[in-house]
Amino acid sequence: METRSSALQMVILLLSSVNSVYPSQELFPSSFYCGDEELYCPKLVANGACLGLYQTPEGVTQFEPQLAIQTVLKCRQSCKEYWDIHQDKVEPTYRNLFHQIGGTNNVIKDYFGFEHNICDPSRHQTFHSRYTLLTSSFNAWTKNMTGAIHKNSAFRPQKAKVPPQIYAIVKGYHDELKENIPVRANCSHRTFDCFEINYTDDEECQIKEITKMTIHHLSVEDRAMIALMLEPELERLTGKNLTPALVSGMRRYLNDSFLPTHIDNT
């Protein structure tokens, strides 16, 4: 079977969207920076959004934990200023939540005991990845898996032959995305060869390359097909009869990458 070494370099990110009650996801676009502020941040924070509080159109105060996570990530500087002024008056419930989601620190610790600098530009963490990392703190499955982390870490990803049919499917998504998205565009959560353009005046600008990552949402049919193609190879490697399935989830590697799912034999 033909081997495509370049296929081993491709990453399929199967991101799950978390739908919050309020506000909508559109208010919180992707960002590679923790300290950036949107124009609406001061007003949002003034209403207690850093603590998960917001006012309904009827003037009723509501509590939404996901709103606290989103606001702390996107309006971080305003939340720090808000906390410095109001921390002595914050009720215990909201205080505990604020500390759980990282508070004013840029480094947070997950249930596995690993520390994450969610503001380190070298990690290229978008708002979505920071949001997923923080919401995992509320994930019962993650908490229950802490005892298995060391056992699972004993198995390292190993190179394996990738069937050319699977490579062709993934490459097809890759090529289509590359052709349809402009090279120099605003950085979003689904871009290829993303650049940030900083204008110094009307004629000069500085271009900074941010990342070269593709995010593909495979169709149900393609996912099922890949699972069936992988079944014989996985059964050979494991020596077990397996039910074909394609699973997306969090996998930790030595370089602390977060949320990638590689085609490997583990």
C-alpha atoms as a PDB file:
ATOM      1  CA  MET A   1       0.000   0.000   0.000  1.00  0.00           C
ATOM      2  CA  GLU A   2       1.385   3.349  -1.006  1.00  0.00           C
ATOM      3  CA  THR A   3       2.536   5.612   1.805  1.00  0.00           C
ATOM      4  CA  ARG A   4       2.092   9.358   1.729  1.00  0.00           C
ATOM      5  CA  SER A   5       4.470  10.872   4.272  1.00  0.00           C
ATOM      6  CA  SER A   6       2.935  14.294   3.819  1.00  0.00           C
ATOM      7  CA  ALA A   7      -0.379  12.925   5.050  1.00  0.00           C
ATOM      8  CA  LEU A   8       1.186  12.471   8.460  1.00  0.00           C
ATOM      9  CA  GLN A   9       1.614  16.227   8.641  1.00  0.00           C
ATOM     10  CA  MET A  10      -2.035  16.991   8.088  1.00  0.00           C
ATOM     11  CA  VAL A  11      -4.182  17.783  11.061  1.00  0.00           C
ATOM     12  CA  ILE A  12      -7.910  17.352  11.172  1.00  0.00           C
ATOM     13  CA  LEU A  13      -9.516  19.516  13.810  1.00  0.00           C
ATOM     14  CA  LEU A  14     -13.014  18.400  14.618  1.00  0.00           C
ATOM     15  CA  LEU A  15     -14.245  21.304  16.710  1.00  0.00           C
ATOM     16  CA  SER A  16     -17.477  21.089  18.638  1.00  0.00           C
ATOM     17  CA  SER A  17     -19.432  24.289  18.995  1.00  0.00           C
ATOM     18  CA  VAL A  18     -20.709  25.256  22.422  1.00  0.00           C
ATOM     19  CA  ASN A  19     -23.999  27.106  22.148  1.00  0.00           C
ATOM     20  CA  SER A  20     -24.486  29.626  24.914  1.00  0.00           C
ATOM     21  CA  VAL A  21     -27.792  31.055  25.976  1.00  0.00           C
ATOM     22  CA  TYR A  22     -26.489  34.620  25.951  1.00  0.00           C
ATOM     23  CA  PRO A  23     -24.907  36.326  24.194  1.00  0.00           C
ATOM     24  CA  SER A  24     -24.547  34.879  20.703  1.00  0.00           C
ATOM     25  CA  GLN A  25     -21.210  33.523  19.445  1.00  0.00           C
ATOM     26  CA  GLU A  26     -21.041  36.358  16.889  1.00  0.00           C
ATOM     27  CA  LEU A  27     -20.185  38.804  19.665  1.00  0.00           C
ATOM     28  CA  PHE A  28     -16.931  36.954  20.312  1.00  0.00           C
ATOM     29  CA  PRO A  29     -14.896  36.528  17.096  1.00  0.00           C
ATOM     30  CA  SER A  30     -11.613  34.630  16.970  1.00  0.00           C
ATOM     31  CA  SER A  31      -8.515  36.339  18.268  1.00  0.00           C
ATOM     32  CA  PHE A  32      -4.895  35.375  18.773  1.00  0.00           C
ATOM     33  CA  TYR A  33      -4.457  37.878  21.587  1.00  0.00           C
ATOM     34  CA  CYS A  34      -5.708  37.798  25.164  1.00  0.00           C
ATOM     35  CA  GLY A  35      -5.437  41.508  25.846  1.00  0.00           C
ATOM     36  CA  ASP A  36      -7.373  42.768  22.866  1.00  0.00           C
ATOM     37  CA  GLU A  37     -10.534  44.664  23.585  1.00  0.00           C
ATOM     38  CA  GLU A  38     -13.718  45.162  21.607  1.00  0.00           C
ATOM     39  CA  LEU A  39     -15.618  48.449  21.638  1.00  0.00           C
ATOM     40  CA  TYR A  40     -18.484  46.870  23.554  1.00  0.00           C
ATOM     41  CA  CYS A  41     -16.253  45.475  26.342  1.00  0.00           C
ATOM     42  CA  PRO A  42     -16.489  48.350  28.864  1.00  0.00           C
ATOM     43  CA  LYS A  43     -20.295  48.382  28.721  1.00  0.00           C
ATOM     44  CA  LEU A  44     -20.509  44.587  28.842  1.00  0.00           C
ATOM     45  CA  VAL A  45     -18.142  44.367  31.806  1.00  0.00           C
ATOM     46  CA  ALA A  46     -19.871  47.214  33.662  1.00  0.00           C
ATOM     47  CA  ASN A  47     -23.026  45.079  33.774  1.00  0.00           C
ATOM     48  CA  GLY A  48     -21.167  42.230  35.520  1.00  0.00           C
ATOM     49  CA  ALA A  49     -20.495  40.022  32.489  1.00  0.00           C
ATOM     50  CA  CYS A  50     -17.084  38.966  33.876  1.00  0.00           C
ATOM     51  CA  LEU A  51     -19.033  37.223  36.641  1.00  0.00           C
ATOM     52  CA  GLY A  52     -21.662  35.795  34.292  1.00  0.00           C
ATOM     53  CA  LEU A  53     -24.296  38.463  34.971  1.00  0.00           C
ATOM     54  CA  TYR A  54     -26.401  40.278  32.391  1.00  0.00           C
ATOM     55  CA  GLN A  55     -29.592  42.287  32.197  1.00  0.00           C
ATOM     56  CA  THR A  56     -32.599  41.042  30.247  1.00  0.00           C
ATOM     57  CA  PRO A  57     -34.653  43.555  28.212  1.00  0.00           C
ATOM     58  CA  GLU A  58     -37.089  43.544  31.143  1.00  0.00           C
ATOM     59  CA  GLY A  59     -34.305  44.671  33.484  1.00  0.00           C
ATOM     60  CA  VAL A  60     -33.978  41.336  35.304  1.00  0.00           C
ATOM     61  CA  THR A  61     -30.463  40.222  36.276  1.00  0.00           C
ATOM     62  CA  GLN A  62     -29.618  36.714  35.018  1.00  0.00           C
ATOM     63  CA  PHE A  63     -26.645  34.432  35.690  1.00  0.00           C
ATOM     64  CA  GLU A  64     -24.972  32.552  32.828  1.00  0.00           C
ATOM     65  CA  PRO A  65     -21.566  30.895  33.563  1.00  0.00           C
ATOM     66  CA  GLN A  66     -20.671  30.617  29.865  1.00  0.00           C
ATOM     67  CA  LEU A  67     -20.986  34.370  29.547  1.00  0.00           C
ATOM     68  CA  ALA A  68     -18.359  34.763  32.296  1.00  0.00           C
ATOM     69  CA  ILE A  69     -15.940  32.510  30.414  1.00  0.00           C
ATOM     70  CA  GLN A  70     -16.464  34.327  27.128  1.00  0.00           C
ATOM     71  CA  THR A  71     -16.089  37.768  28.684  1.00  0.00           C
ATOM     72  CA  VAL A  72     -12.961  36.903  30.672  1.00  0.00           C
ATOM     73  CA  LEU A  73     -11.364  35.657  27.454  1.00  0.00           C
ATOM     74  CA  LYS A  74     -12.411  38.451  25.138  1.00  0.00           C
ATOM     75  CA  CYS A  75     -12.514  41.475  27.478  1.00  0.00           C
ATOM     76  CA  ARG A  76      -9.622  40.413  29.655  1.00  0.00           C
ATOM     77  CA  GLN A  77      -8.179  43.849  30.393  1.00  0.00           C
ATOM     78  CA  SER A  78     -11.579  45.296  31.307  1.00  0.00           C
ATOM     79  CA  CYS A  79     -12.292  42.277  33.528  1.00  0.00           C
ATOM     80  CA  LYS A  80      -9.002  42.803  35.359  1.00  0.00           C
ATOM     81  CA  GLU A  81      -9.888  46.438  35.988  1.00  0.00           C
ATOM     82  CA  TYR A  82     -13.413  45.490  37.076  1.00  0.00           C
ATOM     83  CA  TRP A  83     -12.073  42.886  39.507  1.00  0.00           C
ATOM     84  CA  ASP A  84      -9.577  45.302  41.065  1.00  0.00           C
ATOM     85  CA  ILE A  85     -12.410  47.693  41.883  1.00  0.00           C
ATOM     86  CA  HIS A  86     -15.249  45.332  42.830  1.00  0.00           C
ATOM     87  CA  GLN A  87     -13.622  42.147  44.178  1.00  0.00           C
ATOM     88  CA  ASP A  88     -14.446  42.929  47.832  1.00  0.00           C
ATOM     89  CA  LYS A  89     -18.146  43.198  46.985  1.00  0.00           C
ATOM     90  CA  VAL A  90     -18.451  40.050  44.865  1.00  0.00           C
ATOM     91  CA  GLU A  91     -20.674  37.293  46.256  1.00  0.00           C
ATOM     92  CA  PRO A  92     -18.994  33.902  46.960  1.00  0.00           C
ATOM     93  CA  THR A  93     -20.775  32.094  44.094  1.00  0.00           C
ATOM     94  CA  TYR A  94     -19.550  34.555  41.486  1.00  0.00           C
ATOM     95  CA  ARG A  95     -16.131  34.837  43.139  1.00  0.00           C
ATOM     96  CA  ASN A  96     -15.600  31.058  42.952  1.00  0.00           C
ATOM     97  CA  LEU A  97     -16.637  30.989  39.306  1.00  0.00           C
ATOM     98  CA  PHE A  98     -14.279  33.835  38.456  1.00  0.00           C
ATOM     99  CA  HIS A  99     -11.360  31.997  40.061  1.00  0.00           C
ATOM    100  CA  GLN A 100     -12.336  28.691  38.435  1.00  0.00           C
ATOM    101  CA  ILE A 101     -12.071  30.148  34.945  1.00  0.00           C
ATOM    102  CA  GLY A 102      -8.647  31.660  35.533  1.00  0.00           C
ATOM    103  CA  GLY A 103      -9.520  34.971  37.146  1.00  0.00           C
ATOM    104  CA  THR A 104      -7.070  37.672  36.151  1.00  0.00           C
ATOM    105  CA  ASN A 105      -4.209  35.203  35.653  1.00  0.00           C
ATOM    106  CA  ASN A 106      -2.943  34.329  32.204  1.00  0.00           C
ATOM    107  CA  VAL A 107      -1.948  30.821  33.319  1.00  0.00           C
ATOM    108  CA  ILE A 108      -4.619  28.306  34.281  1.00  0.00           C
ATOM    109  CA  LYS A 109      -4.351  24.689  35.466  1.00  0.00           C
ATOM    110  CA  ASP A 110      -6.582  21.908  34.158  1.00  0.00           C
ATOM    111  CA  TYR A 111      -7.838  18.845  36.027  1.00  0.00           C
ATOM    112  CA  PHE A 112      -4.826  16.867  34.854  1.00  0.00           C
ATOM    113  CA  GLY A 113      -2.508  19.284  36.648  1.00  0.00           C
ATOM    114  CA  PHE A 114      -1.083  20.794  33.454  1.00  0.00           C
ATOM    115  CA  GLU A 115      -0.648  24.555  33.340  1.00  0.00           C
ATOM    116  CA  HIS A 116      -1.640  26.506  30.231  1.00  0.00           C
ATOM    117  CA  ASN A 117      -0.633  30.045  29.360  1.00  0.00           C
ATOM    118  CA  ILE A 118      -3.753  31.030  27.448  1.00  0.00           C
ATOM    119  CA  CYS A 119      -2.184  34.348  26.427  1.00  0.00           C
ATOM    120  CA  ASP A 120       1.116  33.073  25.010  1.00  0.00           C
ATOM    121  CA  PRO A 121       1.143  34.251  21.338  1.00  0.00           C
ATOM    122  CA  SER A 122       3.486  31.398  20.374  1.00  0.00           C
ATOM    123  CA  ARG A 123       0.701  28.901  21.031  1.00  0.00           C
ATOM    124  CA  HIS A 124      -1.553  30.574  18.452  1.00  0.00           C
ATOM    125  CA  GLN A 125      -4.607  29.911  20.590  1.00  0.00           C
ATOM    126  CA  THR A 126      -7.730  31.383  19.086  1.00  0.00           C
ATOM    127  CA  PHE A 127     -10.673  32.480  21.180  1.00  0.00           C
ATOM    128  CA  HIS A 128     -12.308  29.149  20.372  1.00  0.00           C
ATOM    129  CA  SER A 129      -9.412  27.044  21.679  1.00  0.00           C
ATOM    130  CA  ARG A 130      -9.126  29.145  24.846  1.00  0.00           C
ATOM    131  CA  TYR A 131     -12.873  28.824  25.335  1.00  0.00           C
ATOM    132  CA  THR A 132     -12.750  25.037  24.924  1.00  0.00           C
ATOM    133  CA  LEU A 133      -9.842  24.794  27.340  1.00  0.00           C
ATOM    134  CA  LEU A 134     -11.681  26.744  30.017  1.00  0.00           C
ATOM    135  CA  THR A 135     -15.035  25.010  29.546  1.00  0.00           C
ATOM    136  CA  SER A 136     -13.286  21.648  30.030  1.00  0.00           C
ATOM    137  CA  SER A 137     -12.981  22.659  33.671  1.00  0.00           C
ATOM    138  CA  PHE A 138     -16.738  22.157  33.908  1.00  0.00           C
ATOM    139  CA  ASN A 139     -16.707  18.896  31.983  1.00  0.00           C
ATOM    140  CA  ALA A 140     -17.510  15.905  34.221  1.00  0.00           C
ATOM    141  CA  TRP A 141     -15.971  13.515  31.682  1.00  0.00           C
ATOM    142  CA  THR A 142     -12.654  15.370  31.849  1.00  0.00           C
ATOM    143  CA  LYS A 143     -12.706  15.281  35.653  1.00  0.00           C
ATOM    144  CA  ASN A 144     -13.396  11.544  35.725  1.00  0.00           C
ATOM    145  CA  MET A 145     -10.557  10.854  33.280  1.00  0.00           C
ATOM    146  CA  THR A 146      -7.803  12.328  35.449  1.00  0.00           C
ATOM    147  CA  GLY A 147      -6.851   8.918  36.846  1.00  0.00           C
ATOM    148  CA  ALA A 148      -6.214   7.534  33.361  1.00  0.00           C
ATOM    149  CA  ILE A 149      -3.972  10.292  32.019  1.00  0.00           C
ATOM    150  CA  HIS A 150      -0.674   8.650  32.971  1.00  0.00           C
ATOM    151  CA  LYS A 151      -1.729   5.297  31.574  1.00  0.00           C
ATOM    152  CA  ASN A 152      -2.789   6.864  28.295  1.00  0.00           C
ATOM    153  CA  SER A 153       0.387   8.935  28.090  1.00  0.00           C
ATOM    154  CA  ALA A 154       2.465   5.751  27.958  1.00  0.00           C
ATOM    155  CA  PHE A 155       1.377   5.312  24.329  1.00  0.00           C
ATOM    156  CA  ARG A 156       3.004   7.811  21.999  1.00  0.00           C
ATOM    157  CA  PRO A 157       1.812   8.494  18.467  1.00  0.00           C
ATOM    158  CA  GLN A 158       3.657   6.370  15.963  1.00  0.00           C
ATOM    159  CA  LYS A 159       3.941   6.675  12.218  1.00  0.00           C
ATOM    160  CA  ALA A 160       1.751   4.286  10.304  1.00  0.00           C
ATOM    161  CA  LYS A 161       0.898   3.727   6.676  1.00  0.00           C
ATOM    162  CA  VAL A 162      -1.917   5.991   5.563  1.00  0.00           C
ATOM    163  CA  PRO A 163      -4.075   4.490   2.799  1.00  0.00           C
ATOM    164  CA  PRO A 164      -3.940   6.699  -0.304  1.00  0.00           C
ATOM    165  CA  GLN A 165      -7.758   6.749  -0.386  1.00  0.00           C
ATOM    166  CA  ILE A 166      -7.835   8.482   3.017  1.00  0.00           C
ATOM    167  CA  TYR A 167      -5.132  10.917   1.967  1.00  0.00           C
ATOM    168  CA  ALA A 168      -7.150  11.788  -1.129  1.00  0.00           C
ATOM    169  CA  ILE A 169     -10.258  12.595   0.927  1.00  0.00           C
ATOM    170  CA  VAL A 170      -8.407  14.872   3.362  1.00  0.00           C
ATOM    171  CA  LYS A 171      -6.358  16.466   0.588  1.00  0.00           C
ATOM    172  CA  GLY A 172      -9.571  17.261  -1.274  1.00  0.00           C
ATOM    173  CA  TYR A 173     -10.873  19.319   1.638  1.00  0.00           C
ATOM    174  CA  HIS A 174      -7.481  20.968   1.986  1.00  0.00           C
ATOM    175  CA  ASP A 175      -7.279  22.001  -1.672  1.00  0.00           C
ATOM    176  CA  GLU A 176     -10.846  23.295  -1.762  1.00  0.00           C
ATOM    177  CA  LEU A 177     -10.281  25.484   1.298  1.00  0.00           C
ATOM    178  CA  LYS A 178      -6.979  26.794  -0.057  1.00  0.00           C
ATOM    179  CA  GLU A 179      -8.564  27.814  -3.360  1.00  0.00           C
ATOM    180  CA  ASN A 180     -11.631  29.516  -1.901  1.00  0.00           C
ATOM    181  CA  ILE A 181     -10.099  31.648   0.869  1.00  0.00           C
ATOM    182  CA  PRO A 182      -7.995  34.735   0.042  1.00  0.00           C
ATOM    183  CA  VAL A 183      -4.390  34.518   1.193  1.00  0.00           C
ATOM    184  CA  ARG A 184      -4.317  37.927   2.859  1.00  0.00           C
ATOM    185  CA  ALA A 185      -7.465  38.015   4.924  1.00  0.00           C
ATOM    186  CA  ASN A 186      -8.561  38.669   8.473  1.00  0.00           C
ATOM    187  CA  CYS A 187      -7.676  35.746  10.716  1.00  0.00           C
ATOM    188  CA  SER A 188     -10.681  33.594  11.475  1.00  0.00           C
ATOM    189  CA  HIS A 189     -11.139  30.124  12.911  1.00  0.00           C
ATOM    190  CA  ARG A 190     -11.200  28.516   9.426  1.00  0.00           C
ATOM    191  CA  THR A 191      -8.372  29.983   7.383  1.00  0.00           C
ATOM    192  CA  PHE A 192      -5.348  28.894   5.390  1.00  0.00           C
ATOM    193  CA  ASP A 193      -2.099  30.891   5.248  1.00  0.00           C
ATOM    194  CA  CYS A 194      -3.520  33.550   7.548  1.00  0.00           C
ATOM    195  CA  PHE A 195      -1.872  36.953   7.761  1.00  0.00           C
ATOM    196  CA  GLU A 196      -2.363  39.894  10.074  1.00  0.00           C
ATOM    197  CA  ILE A 197      -1.944  43.278   8.394  1.00  0.00           C
ATOM    198  CA  ASN A 198      -0.981  46.214  10.627  1.00  0.00           C
ATOM    199  CA  TYR A 199      -1.248  49.574   8.868  1.00  0.00           C
ATOM    200  CA  THR A 200       1.215  52.238  10.033  1.00  0.00           C
ATOM    201  CA  ASP A 201      -0.125  54.882   7.626  1.00  0.00           C
ATOM    202  CA  ASP A 202      -2.001  55.098   4.342  1.00  0.00           C
ATOM    203  CA  GLU A 203       0.887  53.720   2.308  1.00  0.00           C
ATOM    204  CA  GLU A 204       2.884  51.401   4.559  1.00  0.00           C
ATOM    205  CA  CYS A 205       1.877  48.312   6.449  1.00  0.00           C
ATOM    206  CA  GLN A 206       3.488  45.402   8.247  1.00  0.00           C
ATOM    207  CA  ILE A 207       2.383  41.875   7.433  1.00  0.00           C
ATOM    208  CA  LYS A 208       2.781  39.200  10.088  1.00  0.00           C
ATOM    209  CA  GLU A 209       2.161  35.564   9.273  1.00  0.00           C
ATOM    210  CA  ILE A 210      -0.016  34.075  12.019  1.00  0.00           C
ATOM    211  CA  THR A 211      -0.549  30.420  11.207  1.00  0.00           C
ATOM    212  CA  LYS A 212      -0.800  27.817   8.492  1.00  0.00           C
ATOM    213  CA  MET A 213      -3.569  25.604   9.745  1.00  0.00           C
ATOM    214  CA  THR A 214      -6.590  24.160   8.019  1.00  0.00           C
ATOM    215  CA  ILE A 215      -9.766  23.267   9.856  1.00  0.00           C
ATOM    216  CA  HIS A 216     -12.080  20.901   8.036  1.00  0.00           C
ATOM    217  CA  HIS A 217     -15.562  19.782   8.910  1.00  0.00           C
ATOM    218  CA  LEU A 218     -15.794  16.401   7.211  1.00  0.00           C
ATOM    219  CA  SER A 219     -19.133  15.222   5.958  1.00  0.00           C
ATOM    220  CA  VAL A 220     -20.842  12.320   7.719  1.00  0.00           C
ATOM    221  CA  GLU A 221     -20.279  10.161   4.645  1.00  0.00           C
ATOM    222  CA  ASP A 222     -16.538  10.902   4.474  1.00  0.00           C
ATOM    223  CA  ARG A 223     -16.092  10.280   8.196  1.00  0.00           C
ATOM    224  CA  ALA A 224     -17.805   6.905   7.902  1.00  0.00           C
ATOM    225  CA  MET A 225     -15.696   6.026   4.860  1.00  0.00           C
ATOM    226  CA  ILE A 226     -12.442   6.917   6.640  1.00  0.00           C
ATOM    227  CA  ALA A 227     -13.469   4.830   9.648  1.00  0.00           C
ATOM    228  CA  LEU A 228     -14.064   1.793   7.429  1.00  0.00           C
ATOM    229  CA  MET A 229     -10.723   2.286   5.674  1.00  0.00           C
ATOM    230  CA  LEU A 230      -8.857   2.505   8.969  1.00  0.00           C
ATOM    231  CA  GLU A 231     -10.456  -0.597  10.454  1.00  0.00           C
ATOM    232  CA  PRO A 232      -8.162  -3.256   8.862  1.00  0.00           C
ATOM    233  CA  GLU A 233      -4.970  -1.378   9.762  1.00  0.00           C
ATOM    234  CA  LEU A 234      -6.116  -0.712  13.321  1.00  0.00           C
ATOM    235  CA  GLU A 235      -7.095  -4.332  13.830  1.00  0.00           C
ATOM    236  CA  ARG A 236      -3.688  -5.426  12.571  1.00  0.00           C
ATOM    237  CA  LEU A 237      -1.908  -3.064  14.952  1.00  0.00           C
ATOM    238  CA  THR A 238      -4.030  -3.898  17.998  1.00  0.00           C
ATOM    239  CA  GLY A 239      -4.716  -7.556  17.342  1.00  0.00           C
ATOM    240  CA  LYS A 240      -8.370  -6.989  18.200  1.00  0.00           C
ATOM    241  CA  ASN A 241     -11.653  -6.962  16.327  1.00  0.00           C
ATOM    242  CA  LEU A 242     -12.882  -3.386  16.312  1.00  0.00           C
ATOM    243  CA  THR A 243     -16.138  -1.670  15.533  1.00  0.00           C
ATOM    244  CA  PRO A 244     -15.364   1.064  12.983  1.00  0.00           C
ATOM    245  CA  ALA A 245     -15.862   4.555  14.377  1.00  0.00           C
ATOM    246  CA  LEU A 246     -14.220   7.936  13.996  1.00  0.00           C
ATOM    247  CA  VAL A 247     -13.880   9.761  17.301  1.00  0.00           C
ATOM    248  CA  SER A 248     -12.966  13.391  17.838  1.00  0.00           C
ATOM    249  CA  GLY A 249     -11.658  14.650  21.141  1.00  0.00           C
ATOM    250  CA  MET A 250      -8.751  16.061  23.107  1.00  0.00           C
ATOM    251  CA  ARG A 251      -5.368  14.400  22.696  1.00  0.00           C
ATOM    252  CA  ARG A 252      -2.285  15.750  24.428  1.00  0.00           C
ATOM    253  CA  TYR A 253       1.143  15.559  22.836  1.00  0.00           C
ATOM    254  CA  LEU A 254       4.588  16.320  24.190  1.00  0.00           C
ATOM    255  CA  ASN A 255       4.578  19.776  22.600  1.00  0.00           C
ATOM    256  CA  ASP A 256       1.370  20.708  24.449  1.00  0.00           C
ATOM    257  CA  SER A 257      -0.686  20.987  21.279  1.00  0.00           C
ATOM    258  CA  PHE A 258      -4.383  21.073  22.062  1.00  0.00           C
ATOM    259  CA  LEU A 259      -7.384  19.576  20.280  1.00  0.00           C
ATOM    260  CA  PRO A 260      -5.696  17.996  17.244  1.00  0.00           C
ATOM    261  CA  THR A 261      -6.713  14.535  16.094  1.00  0.00           C
ATOM    262  CA  HIS A 262      -4.036  12.853  13.987  1.00  0.00           C
ATOM    263  CA  ILE A 263      -4.306   9.698  11.940  1.00  0.00           C
ATOM    264  CA  ASP A 264      -2.108   7.392  13.982  1.00  0.00           C
ATOM    265  CA  ASN A 265      -2.199   3.954  15.550  1.00  0.00           C
ATOM    266  CA  THR A 266      -3.075   4.761  19.160  1.00  0.00           C
END
